[in-house]
Amino acid sequence: MTDVLAGHTVTVSLTVNGTAHEVEIEPRELLVTVLRERLRLTGTNIGCETTSCGACTVLLDGRSVKSCTVLAVQVHGRDITTIEGLAGPDGLHPVQEAFRRCHGLQCGFCTPGMVMAAVSLIDEGRATDEKSVRLALKGNLCRCTGYHNIVQSVLSAAEVMKEADA
């Protein structure tokens, strides 16, 4: 059977890291592919393409999603934040800074997805203790660490962000 959609394109409007984009895509294209290949935002990694590893995690309207299983047409008119859009003009985002300070990374392949998942977790108020952080990050795999420093990074960032909001 031939793919009846092959070659058929649609225009998707999306905002990525605060910048509006209109991208001509095939309806079957994944968000991770559009981010990496069309918009050249390569911080979002492709690991497993089955939602098992979390290396492709981005924020969609402020909530973490695994972009390897989201069709780009599904994000028409929505806001996406990738790791490239997290830091501000004054420096690293508190979660990025905590991962640096607490040694929450090694090879760095999983780090963008871990950081993006942690931002969502903290923003949702679910980074309350070690157990809650471990449970929330269970869909993000790291093959280098024992997760201890990652969990400590998230808890540290949550505390810093809580103090900044106070």
N, C-alpha and C. Protein backbone atom coordinates (compact mmCIF):
# COMPACT_ATOMS: atom_id res chain seq x y z
N MET A 1 0.84 -1.17 0.00
CA MET A 1 0.00 0.00 0.00
C MET A 1 0.90 1.24 0.00
N THR A 2 0.58 2.21 -0.81
CA THR A 2 1.37 3.44 -0.87
C THR A 2 0.90 4.42 0.18
N ASP A 3 1.77 5.27 0.60
CA ASP A 3 1.44 6.29 1.59
C ASP A 3 0.74 7.44 0.86
N VAL A 4 -0.57 7.59 1.08
CA VAL A 4 -1.35 8.60 0.36
C VAL A 4 -0.99 10.02 0.79
N LEU A 5 -0.36 10.16 1.96
CA LEU A 5 0.02 11.49 2.44
C LEU A 5 1.43 11.89 2.04
N ALA A 6 2.20 10.96 1.50
CA ALA A 6 3.58 11.26 1.11
C ALA A 6 3.57 12.41 0.11
N GLY A 7 4.35 13.42 0.38
CA GLY A 7 4.44 14.58 -0.50
C GLY A 7 3.41 15.65 -0.21
N HIS A 8 2.34 15.32 0.50
CA HIS A 8 1.33 16.30 0.87
C HIS A 8 1.85 17.12 2.04
N THR A 9 1.72 18.43 1.96
CA THR A 9 2.23 19.27 3.05
C THR A 9 1.13 20.18 3.59
N VAL A 10 1.34 20.61 4.82
CA VAL A 10 0.47 21.59 5.47
C VAL A 10 1.37 22.62 6.14
N THR A 11 0.81 23.78 6.39
CA THR A 11 1.56 24.82 7.09
C THR A 11 1.13 24.82 8.55
N VAL A 12 2.11 24.75 9.42
CA VAL A 12 1.88 24.77 10.86
C VAL A 12 2.47 26.05 11.42
N SER A 13 1.69 26.75 12.21
CA SER A 13 2.17 27.95 12.92
C SER A 13 2.41 27.57 14.36
N LEU A 14 3.60 27.86 14.85
CA LEU A 14 3.91 27.58 16.24
C LEU A 14 4.91 28.61 16.75
N THR A 15 4.91 28.76 18.04
CA THR A 15 5.87 29.66 18.68
C THR A 15 6.87 28.80 19.44
N VAL A 16 8.13 28.96 19.09
CA VAL A 16 9.19 28.18 19.73
C VAL A 16 10.16 29.15 20.38
N ASN A 17 10.31 29.02 21.69
CA ASN A 17 11.22 29.86 22.45
C ASN A 17 10.92 31.34 22.23
N GLY A 18 9.62 31.66 22.13
CA GLY A 18 9.20 33.05 21.99
C GLY A 18 9.20 33.58 20.57
N THR A 19 9.60 32.79 19.60
CA THR A 19 9.66 33.23 18.21
C THR A 19 8.60 32.49 17.40
N ALA A 20 7.79 33.25 16.66
CA ALA A 20 6.75 32.65 15.82
C ALA A 20 7.37 32.06 14.56
N HIS A 21 6.88 30.88 14.19
CA HIS A 21 7.36 30.19 12.99
C HIS A 21 6.16 29.67 12.21
N GLU A 22 6.29 29.69 10.90
CA GLU A 22 5.37 28.98 10.03
C GLU A 22 6.22 27.98 9.27
N VAL A 23 5.86 26.71 9.40
CA VAL A 23 6.68 25.64 8.84
C VAL A 23 5.81 24.77 7.94
N GLU A 24 6.31 24.51 6.76
CA GLU A 24 5.64 23.61 5.82
C GLU A 24 6.11 22.19 6.12
N ILE A 25 5.17 21.33 6.51
CA ILE A 25 5.53 19.97 6.93
C ILE A 25 4.60 18.94 6.29
N GLU A 26 5.04 17.71 6.33
CA GLU A 26 4.15 16.60 6.02
C GLU A 26 3.38 16.28 7.30
N PRO A 27 2.09 15.95 7.20
CA PRO A 27 1.28 15.69 8.40
C PRO A 27 1.83 14.60 9.31
N ARG A 28 2.66 13.73 8.80
CA ARG A 28 3.19 12.62 9.59
C ARG A 28 4.47 12.98 10.36
N GLU A 29 4.99 14.19 10.20
CA GLU A 29 6.25 14.56 10.85
C GLU A 29 6.07 14.78 12.34
N LEU A 30 7.05 14.27 13.08
CA LEU A 30 7.05 14.43 14.53
C LEU A 30 7.58 15.79 14.93
N LEU A 31 7.13 16.26 16.08
CA LEU A 31 7.60 17.54 16.59
C LEU A 31 9.12 17.55 16.76
N VAL A 32 9.69 16.47 17.29
CA VAL A 32 11.14 16.43 17.50
C VAL A 32 11.89 16.62 16.18
N THR A 33 11.37 16.06 15.11
CA THR A 33 12.01 16.19 13.81
C THR A 33 11.92 17.62 13.30
N VAL A 34 10.78 18.23 13.46
CA VAL A 34 10.61 19.63 13.03
C VAL A 34 11.54 20.53 13.82
N LEU A 35 11.62 20.32 15.13
CA LEU A 35 12.51 21.14 15.96
C LEU A 35 13.96 20.99 15.52
N ARG A 36 14.42 19.77 15.34
CA ARG A 36 15.82 19.51 15.03
C ARG A 36 16.18 19.83 13.58
N GLU A 37 15.35 19.36 12.65
CA GLU A 37 15.74 19.45 11.24
C GLU A 37 15.23 20.70 10.54
N ARG A 38 14.08 21.17 10.91
CA ARG A 38 13.53 22.35 10.24
C ARG A 38 13.96 23.65 10.93
N LEU A 39 13.92 23.64 12.27
CA LEU A 39 14.25 24.85 13.02
C LEU A 39 15.68 24.84 13.56
N ARG A 40 16.41 23.75 13.36
CA ARG A 40 17.81 23.61 13.75
C ARG A 40 18.04 23.80 15.26
N LEU A 41 17.07 23.38 16.06
CA LEU A 41 17.18 23.41 17.51
C LEU A 41 17.56 22.01 17.96
N THR A 42 18.85 21.74 17.98
CA THR A 42 19.34 20.38 18.18
C THR A 42 19.57 20.00 19.64
N GLY A 43 19.19 20.85 20.56
CA GLY A 43 19.30 20.51 21.98
C GLY A 43 18.31 19.44 22.38
N THR A 44 17.20 19.35 21.66
CA THR A 44 16.21 18.31 21.89
C THR A 44 16.72 17.05 21.20
N ASN A 45 17.03 16.03 21.99
CA ASN A 45 17.67 14.83 21.44
C ASN A 45 16.65 13.75 21.08
N ILE A 46 17.01 12.96 20.09
CA ILE A 46 16.23 11.78 19.73
C ILE A 46 16.94 10.59 20.33
N GLY A 47 16.26 9.91 21.25
CA GLY A 47 16.87 8.75 21.89
C GLY A 47 16.22 7.46 21.46
N CYS A 48 14.97 7.26 21.83
CA CYS A 48 14.33 5.96 21.61
C CYS A 48 13.18 6.01 20.61
N GLU A 49 12.59 7.15 20.43
CA GLU A 49 11.41 7.35 19.57
C GLU A 49 10.19 6.55 20.03
N THR A 50 10.15 6.18 21.31
CA THR A 50 9.01 5.42 21.85
C THR A 50 8.54 5.96 23.20
N THR A 51 8.94 7.14 23.59
CA THR A 51 8.65 7.79 24.87
C THR A 51 9.31 7.10 26.06
N SER A 52 10.24 6.21 25.83
CA SER A 52 10.86 5.49 26.93
C SER A 52 11.97 6.25 27.62
N CYS A 53 12.70 7.11 26.89
CA CYS A 53 13.90 7.70 27.47
C CYS A 53 13.76 9.15 27.91
N GLY A 54 12.90 9.92 27.28
CA GLY A 54 12.70 11.31 27.69
C GLY A 54 13.72 12.29 27.17
N ALA A 55 14.67 11.87 26.34
CA ALA A 55 15.70 12.78 25.83
C ALA A 55 15.10 13.89 24.97
N CYS A 56 13.90 13.68 24.47
CA CYS A 56 13.25 14.64 23.57
C CYS A 56 12.25 15.55 24.29
N THR A 57 12.26 15.56 25.60
CA THR A 57 11.26 16.32 26.36
C THR A 57 11.40 17.81 26.12
N VAL A 58 10.26 18.44 25.83
CA VAL A 58 10.15 19.89 25.66
C VAL A 58 8.92 20.34 26.45
N LEU A 59 8.75 21.64 26.57
CA LEU A 59 7.55 22.16 27.20
C LEU A 59 6.57 22.58 26.12
N LEU A 60 5.36 22.09 26.21
CA LEU A 60 4.28 22.45 25.30
C LEU A 60 3.24 23.18 26.14
N ASP A 61 3.10 24.48 25.89
CA ASP A 61 2.23 25.32 26.71
C ASP A 61 2.57 25.17 28.19
N GLY A 62 3.88 25.06 28.48
CA GLY A 62 4.35 25.01 29.86
C GLY A 62 4.39 23.64 30.51
N ARG A 63 3.91 22.62 29.83
CA ARG A 63 3.90 21.27 30.41
C ARG A 63 4.83 20.37 29.61
N SER A 64 5.52 19.49 30.30
CA SER A 64 6.48 18.63 29.61
C SER A 64 5.78 17.57 28.76
N VAL A 65 6.31 17.39 27.56
CA VAL A 65 5.84 16.35 26.65
C VAL A 65 7.06 15.73 25.99
N LYS A 66 6.92 14.51 25.58
CA LYS A 66 7.98 13.84 24.84
C LYS A 66 7.71 14.07 23.36
N SER A 67 8.54 14.88 22.75
CA SER A 67 8.28 15.36 21.39
C SER A 67 8.45 14.29 20.32
N CYS A 68 8.93 13.11 20.69
CA CYS A 68 9.07 12.03 19.70
C CYS A 68 7.75 11.35 19.41
N THR A 69 6.73 11.63 20.18
CA THR A 69 5.42 11.03 19.93
C THR A 69 4.32 12.07 19.76
N VAL A 70 4.71 13.30 19.49
CA VAL A 70 3.75 14.36 19.21
C VAL A 70 3.90 14.73 17.74
N LEU A 71 2.82 14.66 17.01
CA LEU A 71 2.86 15.09 15.62
C LEU A 71 2.95 16.61 15.58
N ALA A 72 3.75 17.13 14.68
CA ALA A 72 3.91 18.59 14.59
C ALA A 72 2.59 19.28 14.28
N VAL A 73 1.69 18.63 13.55
CA VAL A 73 0.39 19.26 13.26
C VAL A 73 -0.43 19.44 14.53
N GLN A 74 -0.16 18.68 15.57
CA GLN A 74 -0.88 18.79 16.83
C GLN A 74 -0.50 20.05 17.61
N VAL A 75 0.60 20.68 17.28
CA VAL A 75 1.04 21.84 18.03
C VAL A 75 0.75 23.15 17.30
N HIS A 76 -0.05 23.10 16.26
CA HIS A 76 -0.44 24.31 15.52
C HIS A 76 -1.02 25.33 16.50
N GLY A 77 -0.45 26.54 16.49
CA GLY A 77 -0.93 27.62 17.34
C GLY A 77 -0.51 27.54 18.80
N ARG A 78 0.42 26.66 19.12
CA ARG A 78 0.81 26.46 20.52
C ARG A 78 2.22 26.98 20.77
N ASP A 79 2.57 27.05 22.06
CA ASP A 79 3.89 27.53 22.49
C ASP A 79 4.77 26.36 22.92
N ILE A 80 5.96 26.32 22.37
CA ILE A 80 6.93 25.28 22.71
C ILE A 80 8.17 25.95 23.27
N THR A 81 8.71 25.37 24.33
CA THR A 81 9.99 25.81 24.86
C THR A 81 10.94 24.63 24.80
N THR A 82 12.10 24.86 24.21
CA THR A 82 13.14 23.84 24.16
C THR A 82 14.26 24.28 25.11
N ILE A 83 15.24 23.43 25.28
CA ILE A 83 16.37 23.75 26.16
C ILE A 83 17.06 25.04 25.72
N GLU A 84 17.05 25.32 24.40
CA GLU A 84 17.69 26.54 23.90
C GLU A 84 16.98 27.80 24.37
N GLY A 85 15.70 27.69 24.69
CA GLY A 85 14.93 28.86 25.10
C GLY A 85 14.77 29.03 26.59
N LEU A 86 15.43 28.19 27.36
CA LEU A 86 15.23 28.21 28.81
C LEU A 86 16.04 29.30 29.51
N ALA A 87 17.28 29.46 29.16
CA ALA A 87 18.12 30.47 29.80
C ALA A 87 17.65 31.86 29.40
N GLY A 88 17.85 32.81 30.27
CA GLY A 88 17.46 34.19 29.98
C GLY A 88 18.68 35.07 29.76
N PRO A 89 18.44 36.35 29.54
CA PRO A 89 19.55 37.27 29.30
C PRO A 89 20.48 37.42 30.51
N ASP A 90 19.97 37.09 31.69
CA ASP A 90 20.79 37.21 32.90
C ASP A 90 21.55 35.93 33.23
N GLY A 91 21.39 34.90 32.42
CA GLY A 91 22.13 33.66 32.67
C GLY A 91 21.24 32.44 32.62
N LEU A 92 21.76 31.37 33.17
CA LEU A 92 21.07 30.09 33.15
C LEU A 92 19.77 30.14 33.94
N HIS A 93 18.82 29.32 33.53
CA HIS A 93 17.59 29.10 34.29
C HIS A 93 18.00 28.44 35.61
N PRO A 94 17.27 28.64 36.70
CA PRO A 94 17.64 28.02 37.97
C PRO A 94 17.81 26.50 37.91
N VAL A 95 17.04 25.83 37.07
CA VAL A 95 17.21 24.37 36.96
C VAL A 95 18.52 24.05 36.25
N GLN A 96 18.84 24.77 35.20
CA GLN A 96 20.13 24.56 34.53
C GLN A 96 21.28 24.82 35.48
N GLU A 97 21.18 25.90 36.23
CA GLU A 97 22.23 26.25 37.19
C GLU A 97 22.37 25.17 38.26
N ALA A 98 21.25 24.63 38.74
CA ALA A 98 21.29 23.59 39.77
C ALA A 98 21.92 22.31 39.22
N PHE A 99 21.63 21.96 37.97
CA PHE A 99 22.26 20.78 37.37
C PHE A 99 23.78 20.99 37.27
N ARG A 100 24.19 22.21 36.96
CA ARG A 100 25.62 22.50 36.90
C ARG A 100 26.24 22.44 38.29
N ARG A 101 25.62 23.12 39.23
CA ARG A 101 26.16 23.23 40.59
C ARG A 101 26.17 21.89 41.33
N CYS A 102 25.13 21.07 41.13
CA CYS A 102 24.99 19.81 41.86
C CYS A 102 25.50 18.60 41.08
N HIS A 103 26.16 18.87 39.96
CA HIS A 103 26.71 17.79 39.12
C HIS A 103 25.64 16.78 38.70
N GLY A 104 24.52 17.32 38.19
CA GLY A 104 23.40 16.47 37.77
C GLY A 104 23.52 15.99 36.35
N LEU A 105 24.72 15.97 35.80
CA LEU A 105 24.91 15.50 34.43
C LEU A 105 26.27 14.86 34.30
N GLN A 106 26.37 14.00 33.31
CA GLN A 106 27.67 13.44 32.96
C GLN A 106 27.88 13.60 31.48
N CYS A 107 27.41 12.66 30.67
CA CYS A 107 27.67 12.79 29.22
C CYS A 107 26.83 13.91 28.61
N GLY A 108 25.68 14.22 29.20
CA GLY A 108 24.85 15.33 28.75
C GLY A 108 23.76 14.97 27.77
N PHE A 109 23.70 13.74 27.29
CA PHE A 109 22.69 13.38 26.29
C PHE A 109 21.28 13.49 26.86
N CYS A 110 21.04 13.03 28.06
CA CYS A 110 19.71 13.08 28.66
C CYS A 110 19.41 14.43 29.30
N THR A 111 20.43 15.23 29.52
CA THR A 111 20.29 16.45 30.31
C THR A 111 19.21 17.41 29.80
N PRO A 112 19.14 17.73 28.51
CA PRO A 112 18.08 18.64 28.09
C PRO A 112 16.68 18.14 28.45
N GLY A 113 16.43 16.86 28.22
CA GLY A 113 15.12 16.30 28.56
C GLY A 113 14.88 16.29 30.06
N MET A 114 15.91 15.96 30.83
CA MET A 114 15.79 15.97 32.29
C MET A 114 15.49 17.37 32.80
N VAL A 115 16.21 18.34 32.27
CA VAL A 115 16.01 19.73 32.70
C VAL A 115 14.59 20.20 32.36
N MET A 116 14.13 19.91 31.16
CA MET A 116 12.80 20.36 30.76
C MET A 116 11.72 19.67 31.60
N ALA A 117 11.87 18.38 31.87
CA ALA A 117 10.92 17.67 32.73
C ALA A 117 10.94 18.26 34.14
N ALA A 118 12.14 18.60 34.63
CA ALA A 118 12.27 19.17 35.97
C ALA A 118 11.61 20.54 36.06
N VAL A 119 11.75 21.36 35.03
CA VAL A 119 11.10 22.68 35.03
C VAL A 119 9.60 22.52 35.18
N SER A 120 9.02 21.62 34.41
CA SER A 120 7.58 21.38 34.48
C SER A 120 7.19 20.85 35.86
N LEU A 121 7.96 19.91 36.35
CA LEU A 121 7.71 19.32 37.66
C LEU A 121 7.70 20.38 38.76
N ILE A 122 8.67 21.26 38.73
CA ILE A 122 8.77 22.32 39.74
C ILE A 122 7.63 23.32 39.57
N ASP A 123 7.36 23.73 38.33
CA ASP A 123 6.28 24.68 38.07
C ASP A 123 4.92 24.15 38.52
N GLU A 124 4.73 22.84 38.44
CA GLU A 124 3.48 22.22 38.86
C GLU A 124 3.43 21.98 40.37
N GLY A 125 4.52 22.30 41.09
CA GLY A 125 4.55 22.14 42.53
C GLY A 125 4.70 20.69 42.98
N ARG A 126 5.24 19.84 42.11
CA ARG A 126 5.36 18.42 42.44
C ARG A 126 6.76 18.00 42.86
N ALA A 127 7.69 18.95 42.96
CA ALA A 127 9.06 18.62 43.39
C ALA A 127 9.18 18.88 44.89
N THR A 128 8.48 18.08 45.67
CA THR A 128 8.40 18.34 47.10
C THR A 128 9.41 17.57 47.94
N ASP A 129 9.80 16.40 47.46
CA ASP A 129 10.77 15.59 48.19
C ASP A 129 11.42 14.61 47.23
N GLU A 130 12.40 13.88 47.73
CA GLU A 130 13.16 12.97 46.87
C GLU A 130 12.25 11.94 46.20
N LYS A 131 11.32 11.37 46.95
CA LYS A 131 10.44 10.35 46.40
C LYS A 131 9.59 10.90 45.26
N SER A 132 9.03 12.10 45.43
CA SER A 132 8.17 12.67 44.39
C SER A 132 8.97 13.00 43.13
N VAL A 133 10.20 13.45 43.30
CA VAL A 133 11.04 13.77 42.15
C VAL A 133 11.42 12.49 41.41
N ARG A 134 11.83 11.47 42.14
CA ARG A 134 12.18 10.19 41.50
C ARG A 134 10.98 9.62 40.74
N LEU A 135 9.81 9.68 41.33
CA LEU A 135 8.61 9.16 40.68
C LEU A 135 8.28 9.95 39.41
N ALA A 136 8.37 11.26 39.50
CA ALA A 136 8.03 12.11 38.36
C ALA A 136 9.03 11.97 37.21
N LEU A 137 10.28 11.70 37.52
CA LEU A 137 11.31 11.59 36.47
C LEU A 137 11.52 10.16 35.99
N LYS A 138 10.68 9.24 36.41
CA LYS A 138 10.92 7.84 36.03
C LYS A 138 10.82 7.61 34.52
N GLY A 139 10.21 8.50 33.78
CA GLY A 139 10.14 8.38 32.34
C GLY A 139 11.30 9.03 31.60
N ASN A 140 12.29 9.50 32.34
CA ASN A 140 13.49 10.09 31.75
C ASN A 140 14.68 9.25 32.19
N LEU A 141 15.33 8.64 31.22
CA LEU A 141 16.42 7.73 31.53
C LEU A 141 17.79 8.39 31.40
N CYS A 142 18.66 8.03 32.32
CA CYS A 142 20.06 8.43 32.26
C CYS A 142 20.88 7.16 32.39
N ARG A 143 21.77 6.97 31.45
CA ARG A 143 22.58 5.75 31.48
C ARG A 143 23.92 5.96 32.18
N CYS A 144 24.20 7.19 32.60
CA CYS A 144 25.50 7.48 33.19
C CYS A 144 25.48 7.61 34.71
N THR A 145 24.40 8.11 35.27
CA THR A 145 24.40 8.42 36.70
C THR A 145 23.51 7.45 37.47
N GLY A 146 23.55 7.55 38.75
CA GLY A 146 22.67 6.79 39.61
C GLY A 146 21.47 7.62 40.01
N TYR A 147 21.24 8.74 39.36
CA TYR A 147 20.11 9.64 39.56
C TYR A 147 20.22 10.48 40.83
N HIS A 148 21.09 10.14 41.75
CA HIS A 148 21.17 10.89 43.01
C HIS A 148 21.42 12.38 42.75
N ASN A 149 22.41 12.71 41.94
CA ASN A 149 22.72 14.13 41.70
C ASN A 149 21.65 14.82 40.87
N ILE A 150 20.97 14.06 40.01
CA ILE A 150 19.86 14.65 39.25
C ILE A 150 18.74 15.03 40.21
N VAL A 151 18.38 14.14 41.11
CA VAL A 151 17.32 14.42 42.09
C VAL A 151 17.72 15.59 42.97
N GLN A 152 18.97 15.61 43.41
CA GLN A 152 19.45 16.71 44.25
C GLN A 152 19.41 18.04 43.47
N SER A 153 19.70 17.99 42.19
CA SER A 153 19.64 19.19 41.35
C SER A 153 18.22 19.73 41.29
N VAL A 154 17.25 18.84 41.09
CA VAL A 154 15.85 19.26 40.99
C VAL A 154 15.38 19.85 42.32
N LEU A 155 15.70 19.19 43.41
CA LEU A 155 15.29 19.69 44.73
C LEU A 155 15.95 21.03 45.04
N SER A 156 17.21 21.17 44.67
CA SER A 156 17.92 22.44 44.88
C SER A 156 17.27 23.56 44.06
N ALA A 157 16.98 23.27 42.80
CA ALA A 157 16.35 24.28 41.94
C ALA A 157 14.97 24.64 42.46
N ALA A 158 14.22 23.66 42.93
CA ALA A 158 12.88 23.92 43.47
C ALA A 158 12.96 24.88 44.66
N GLU A 159 13.97 24.68 45.49
CA GLU A 159 14.14 25.55 46.67
C GLU A 159 14.51 26.97 46.24
N VAL A 160 15.43 27.08 45.29
CA VAL A 160 15.84 28.40 44.79
C VAL A 160 14.65 29.13 44.16
N MET A 161 13.87 28.40 43.37
CA MET A 161 12.73 29.03 42.69
C MET A 161 11.63 29.40 43.69
N LYS A 162 11.46 28.60 44.73
CA LYS A 162 10.49 28.91 45.78
C LYS A 162 10.89 30.18 46.52
N GLU A 163 12.18 30.29 46.84
CA GLU A 163 12.67 31.50 47.51
C GLU A 163 12.55 32.75 46.62
N ALA A 164 12.75 32.58 45.33
CA ALA A 164 12.65 33.71 44.41
C ALA A 164 11.21 34.19 44.28
N ASP A 165 10.25 33.26 44.40
CA ASP A 165 8.83 33.62 44.31
C ASP A 165 8.31 34.26 45.59
N ALA A 166 9.03 34.03 46.70
CA ALA A 166 8.56 34.54 48.00
C ALA A 166 8.78 36.02 48.16
